[in-house]
Protein backbone atom coordinates (compact mmCIF):
# COMPACT_ATOMS: atom_id res chain seq x y z
CA MET A 1 29.45 23.29 14.34
CA ALA A 2 29.14 26.06 11.97
CA PRO A 3 28.13 23.18 9.20
CA PHE A 4 24.82 22.35 11.72
CA VAL A 5 24.14 26.14 12.39
CA VAL A 6 23.72 26.58 8.33
CA LEU A 7 22.02 23.36 7.93
CA ALA A 8 19.64 24.32 10.42
CA ALA A 9 18.99 28.13 9.52
CA VAL A 10 18.94 27.49 5.98
CA THR A 11 16.47 24.92 6.58
CA VAL A 12 14.27 26.50 8.13
CA LEU A 13 14.73 30.05 6.55
CA THR A 14 13.61 28.05 3.16
CA ARG A 15 10.63 26.14 4.94
CA LEU A 16 9.55 29.52 6.04
CA LEU A 17 9.60 31.31 2.40
CA GLY A 18 7.68 28.14 1.00
CA LEU A 19 4.95 28.87 3.67
CA LEU A 20 5.07 32.41 3.24
CA THR A 21 4.91 32.76 -0.49
CA ASP A 22 3.29 31.29 -3.56
CA LEU A 23 6.76 29.43 -4.61
CA SER A 24 5.83 25.54 -4.27
CA TRP A 25 9.58 23.88 -4.05
CA PRO A 26 10.29 24.89 -0.68
CA ASP A 27 6.81 24.27 0.54
CA SER A 28 7.75 20.74 1.53
CA TRP A 29 10.52 19.82 4.27
CA PRO A 30 12.55 17.64 2.07
CA HIS A 31 12.91 20.10 -0.20
CA ALA A 32 14.05 22.95 2.31
CA LEU A 33 16.70 20.59 3.85
CA ALA A 34 18.00 20.04 0.24
CA ALA A 35 18.95 23.89 0.35
CA GLY A 36 20.33 23.66 4.10
CA LEU A 37 21.97 20.61 2.77
CA ALA A 38 23.38 22.64 -0.16
CA ALA A 39 24.41 25.51 2.03
CA MET A 40 26.13 23.29 4.30
CA PHE A 41 28.32 21.61 1.45
CA ALA A 42 29.14 24.93 0.17
CA LEU A 43 30.50 26.13 3.62
CA THR A 44 32.72 22.90 4.26
CA ALA A 45 33.74 22.38 0.65
CA SER A 46 35.19 25.96 1.04
CA ALA A 47 37.41 24.61 3.81
CA HIS A 48 38.67 21.93 1.31
CA PHE A 49 40.72 25.06 -0.66
CA LEU A 50 41.32 27.72 1.79
CA PRO A 51 44.27 27.96 4.41
CA PRO A 52 44.25 27.35 7.65
CA ARG A 53 41.18 25.03 7.27
CA ARG A 54 42.61 23.25 4.23
CA ASP A 55 45.83 21.92 5.88
CA ALA A 56 43.96 20.95 9.02
CA LEU A 57 41.86 18.77 6.26
CA VAL A 58 44.90 17.57 4.78
CA ALA A 59 46.36 16.71 8.23
CA MET A 60 43.23 14.36 9.10
CA VAL A 61 43.48 12.12 6.01
CA PRO A 62 44.73 8.62 7.30
CA PRO A 63 48.57 8.23 6.20
CA ARG A 64 47.90 4.93 4.37
CA LEU A 65 45.84 7.00 1.48
CA PRO A 66 48.30 8.41 -0.90
CA ASN A 67 48.43 12.11 -1.93
CA ALA A 68 46.74 13.54 1.36
CA ALA A 69 46.53 16.98 -0.69
CA ALA A 70 44.91 15.67 -3.65
CA LEU A 71 42.15 13.90 -1.56
CA VAL A 72 41.19 16.84 0.11
CA THR A 73 40.84 18.85 -3.12
CA LEU A 74 38.60 15.97 -4.68
CA THR A 75 36.46 15.47 -1.72
CA GLY A 76 35.91 19.46 -1.67
CA VAL A 77 35.09 19.27 -5.28
CA LEU A 78 32.40 16.26 -4.69
CA GLU A 79 31.18 18.49 -1.91
CA LEU A 80 30.52 21.68 -4.36
CA ALA A 81 28.81 19.81 -6.97
CA GLY A 82 26.82 17.62 -4.65
CA ALA A 83 25.52 20.82 -3.46
CA VAL A 84 24.84 22.10 -6.72
CA GLY A 85 23.33 18.84 -7.42
CA LEU A 86 20.65 19.50 -4.39
CA LEU A 87 19.36 21.97 -6.48
CA ILE A 88 18.38 20.96 -9.14
CA PRO A 89 15.17 18.88 -8.78
CA ALA A 90 16.05 16.10 -11.35
CA THR A 91 19.41 15.40 -9.69
CA SER A 92 18.43 16.31 -5.66
CA ALA A 93 18.29 12.76 -4.60
CA LEU A 94 20.82 11.35 -6.37
CA ALA A 95 23.15 14.13 -5.11
CA ALA A 96 21.84 13.30 -1.44
CA TRP A 97 22.78 9.84 -1.98
CA CYS A 98 26.39 10.96 -3.38
CA LEU A 99 26.77 12.93 -0.49
CA PHE A 100 25.34 10.32 1.79
CA ALA A 101 28.33 8.43 0.67
CA LEU A 102 31.29 10.98 0.83
CA LEU A 103 30.23 11.45 4.40
CA LEU A 104 30.73 7.52 5.18
CA ALA A 105 33.62 7.37 3.47
CA MET A 106 35.29 10.60 4.67
CA PHE A 107 34.33 9.87 8.63
CA PRO A 108 37.41 7.61 9.43
CA ALA A 109 39.15 10.90 8.72
CA ASN A 110 37.00 12.73 11.52
CA VAL A 111 37.86 9.21 13.61
CA ARG A 112 41.71 9.70 13.35
CA ALA A 113 41.49 13.51 13.96
CA ALA A 114 39.69 12.96 17.24
CA ARG A 115 41.74 9.83 18.05
CA ALA A 116 44.88 11.78 17.11
CA ASP A 117 44.21 14.79 18.15
CA VAL A 118 45.23 15.95 14.34
CA GLY A 119 43.42 18.27 12.04
CA VAL A 120 40.14 20.12 13.15
CA THR A 121 39.97 18.85 16.58
CA SER A 122 37.11 21.14 17.74
CA MET A 123 34.54 18.43 18.57
CA PRO A 124 34.92 14.96 20.79
CA LEU A 125 34.36 11.60 18.62
CA PRO A 126 31.01 11.26 20.22
CA ALA A 127 29.38 14.40 19.15
CA ARG A 128 31.23 14.29 15.61
CA THR A 129 29.36 10.71 15.25
CA ALA A 130 26.22 12.24 16.48
CA LEU A 131 26.70 15.22 14.14
CA GLN A 132 27.45 12.47 10.97
CA VAL A 133 24.26 10.44 11.56
CA LEU A 134 22.40 13.94 11.65
CA PHE A 135 23.92 14.75 8.41
CA LEU A 136 23.15 11.46 7.30
CA ALA A 137 19.86 11.53 7.98
CA ALA A 138 19.61 14.62 6.38
CA CYS A 139 20.66 13.28 3.06
CA ALA A 140 18.26 10.47 3.25
CA VAL A 141 15.30 12.28 3.92
CA VAL A 142 16.46 14.71 1.00
CA ALA A 143 17.00 10.98 -1.40
CA LEU A 144 13.41 9.83 -0.20
CA GLY A 145 11.53 12.76 -0.11
């Protein structure tokens, strides 16, 4: 739930900043959403490197995939790179599409966690799925915005 709260709070605060100042970049919902997604992915990426969340993420990786720890590190690096890319106007659309694809690629780990009760188990599968759809939609809005 923390990623959603960060996404919503940073998006709204960025949009307010755009409305209350002469800054042009945050004066649109797609740009404000890009800032919210960047903050959210920076937060989620931190879990890929810091215990105890890292251990939970490693446990979520489907066993058929090799070297779960390396995959968790790689996805954390990709999330950080995507977060930075979202904040650069020239790369924000590409970063949003790449993060969209990354969310899709990582979703099987969420399904496994919910079904096997391993890793990050704070949310049942229907709620995880709804949240994932919301994150995918946010990436699409930024990419198309």
